Protein backbone atom coordinates (compact mmCIF):
# COMPACT_ATOMS: atom_id res chain seq x y z
CA MET A 1 2.89 3.98 10.67
CA ARG A 2 2.99 2.37 7.26
CA ILE A 3 0.96 3.50 4.26
CA VAL A 4 0.29 1.01 1.47
CA VAL A 5 -0.92 2.36 -1.87
CA LEU A 6 -2.49 -0.05 -4.37
CA PHE A 7 -3.14 1.13 -7.89
CA ASN A 8 -3.32 0.50 -11.60
CA LEU A 9 -2.32 2.90 -14.32
CA LYS A 10 -4.89 4.93 -16.19
CA PRO A 11 -5.82 3.65 -19.65
CA GLY A 12 -3.29 4.80 -22.21
CA VAL A 13 -0.45 5.31 -19.71
CA ASP A 14 2.71 3.54 -20.81
CA PRO A 15 4.10 1.52 -17.86
CA ALA A 16 7.65 2.42 -18.93
CA ASP A 17 6.82 6.13 -18.60
CA TYR A 18 5.36 5.67 -15.12
CA GLU A 19 8.22 3.46 -13.94
CA ALA A 20 10.87 5.88 -15.23
CA TRP A 21 9.13 8.78 -13.44
CA ALA A 22 8.70 6.77 -10.23
CA ALA A 23 12.40 5.86 -10.17
CA SER A 24 13.76 9.29 -11.13
CA GLU A 25 11.35 11.70 -9.42
CA ASP A 26 8.75 10.16 -7.12
CA ALA A 27 10.92 7.82 -5.07
CA PRO A 28 13.80 10.26 -4.50
CA ALA A 29 11.41 13.06 -3.50
CA VAL A 30 9.47 10.91 -1.03
CA ARG A 31 12.61 9.34 0.42
CA ALA A 32 14.04 12.82 1.04
CA LEU A 33 11.14 13.84 3.30
CA PRO A 34 12.26 14.13 6.93
CA SER A 35 9.12 12.32 8.13
CA VAL A 36 9.66 9.26 5.90
CA ALA A 37 11.78 6.33 7.11
CA ALA A 38 11.50 4.30 3.89
CA PHE A 39 9.69 4.29 0.56
CA ARG A 40 9.46 1.58 -2.07
CA VAL A 41 7.50 1.10 -5.27
CA HIS A 42 6.84 -2.40 -6.56
CA ALA A 43 5.39 -3.72 -9.81
CA LEU A 44 3.24 -6.72 -8.99
CA THR A 45 4.21 -9.66 -11.16
CA GLY A 46 1.73 -12.37 -10.36
CA LEU A 47 -0.17 -14.37 -7.78
CA MET A 48 1.81 -16.69 -5.57
CA PHE A 49 -0.97 -19.27 -5.47
CA GLY A 50 -3.56 -19.86 -8.16
CA ALA A 51 -3.98 -18.64 -11.66
CA GLY A 52 -4.79 -15.20 -12.96
CA THR A 53 -3.38 -11.76 -12.45
CA PRO A 54 -3.24 -9.52 -9.38
CA PRO A 55 -6.09 -6.99 -9.12
CA PHE A 56 -3.50 -4.21 -8.94
CA ARG A 57 -0.39 -3.64 -11.01
CA TYR A 58 1.58 -1.53 -8.51
CA VAL A 59 2.05 -1.08 -4.78
CA GLU A 60 3.86 1.68 -2.90
CA VAL A 61 4.95 1.14 0.71
CA ILE A 62 5.70 4.26 2.75
CA ASP A 63 7.11 3.89 6.27
CA ILE A 64 6.29 7.04 8.22
CA ALA A 65 8.61 7.94 11.11
CA ASP A 66 6.71 11.12 12.04
CA PRO A 67 2.99 11.12 11.14
CA GLU A 68 2.47 14.75 12.15
CA GLY A 69 5.51 15.86 10.20
CA PHE A 70 4.36 13.83 7.20
CA GLY A 71 1.28 16.02 6.84
CA ALA A 72 3.46 19.12 6.73
CA ASP A 73 6.00 17.49 4.40
CA ILE A 74 3.43 16.54 1.77
CA ALA A 75 1.80 19.99 1.88
CA THR A 76 4.82 21.67 0.29
CA PRO A 77 4.55 22.94 -3.30
CA ARG A 78 7.19 20.40 -4.43
CA MET A 79 5.28 17.44 -3.01
CA GLN A 80 1.96 18.77 -4.27
CA ALA A 81 3.50 18.78 -7.77
CA ILE A 82 4.72 15.20 -7.27
CA ALA A 83 1.23 14.17 -6.07
CA ALA A 84 -0.40 15.85 -9.08
CA ARG A 85 1.90 13.98 -11.45
CA PHE A 86 1.15 10.71 -9.63
CA ARG A 87 -2.57 11.36 -10.20
CA ASP A 88 -1.82 11.76 -13.92
CA PHE A 89 -0.55 8.17 -13.93
CA ALA A 90 -2.62 6.31 -11.31
CA GLU A 91 -6.28 5.38 -11.64
CA ALA A 92 -8.21 5.55 -8.32
CA PRO A 93 -5.30 4.65 -6.03
CA LEU A 94 -6.20 3.16 -2.64
CA PHE A 95 -4.22 4.72 0.23
CA LEU A 96 -4.32 2.31 3.18
CA THR A 97 -2.97 3.13 6.64
CA THR A 98 -1.75 0.27 8.78
CA ARG A 99 -0.65 -0.69 12.25
CA GLU A 100 1.72 -3.55 12.92
CA ILE A 101 0.49 -6.57 14.91
CA GLY A 102 2.77 -8.72 16.99
CA ALA A 103 5.85 -6.55 16.76
């Protein structure tokens, strides 16, 4: 399973602060979870076709190797603290679950 998270930062949040936290705390913590196969955070830089800006500034992609284990992994006090800090930065993030087609 893959989870895609689309979000913008809350008003007043400095992107440099979020990006430093994501690189130093969020990404290493999520990548260390036994149920996670891969985790990446991307800053969206533009639209490939057309003018304007993307509707979201950031996207996280989480590849889950063990969906049942993932629920237990994110319930730990450490991950609850990481999630709380993420909510300090992100405004109304959209957590989307996916299934691959044509694999």
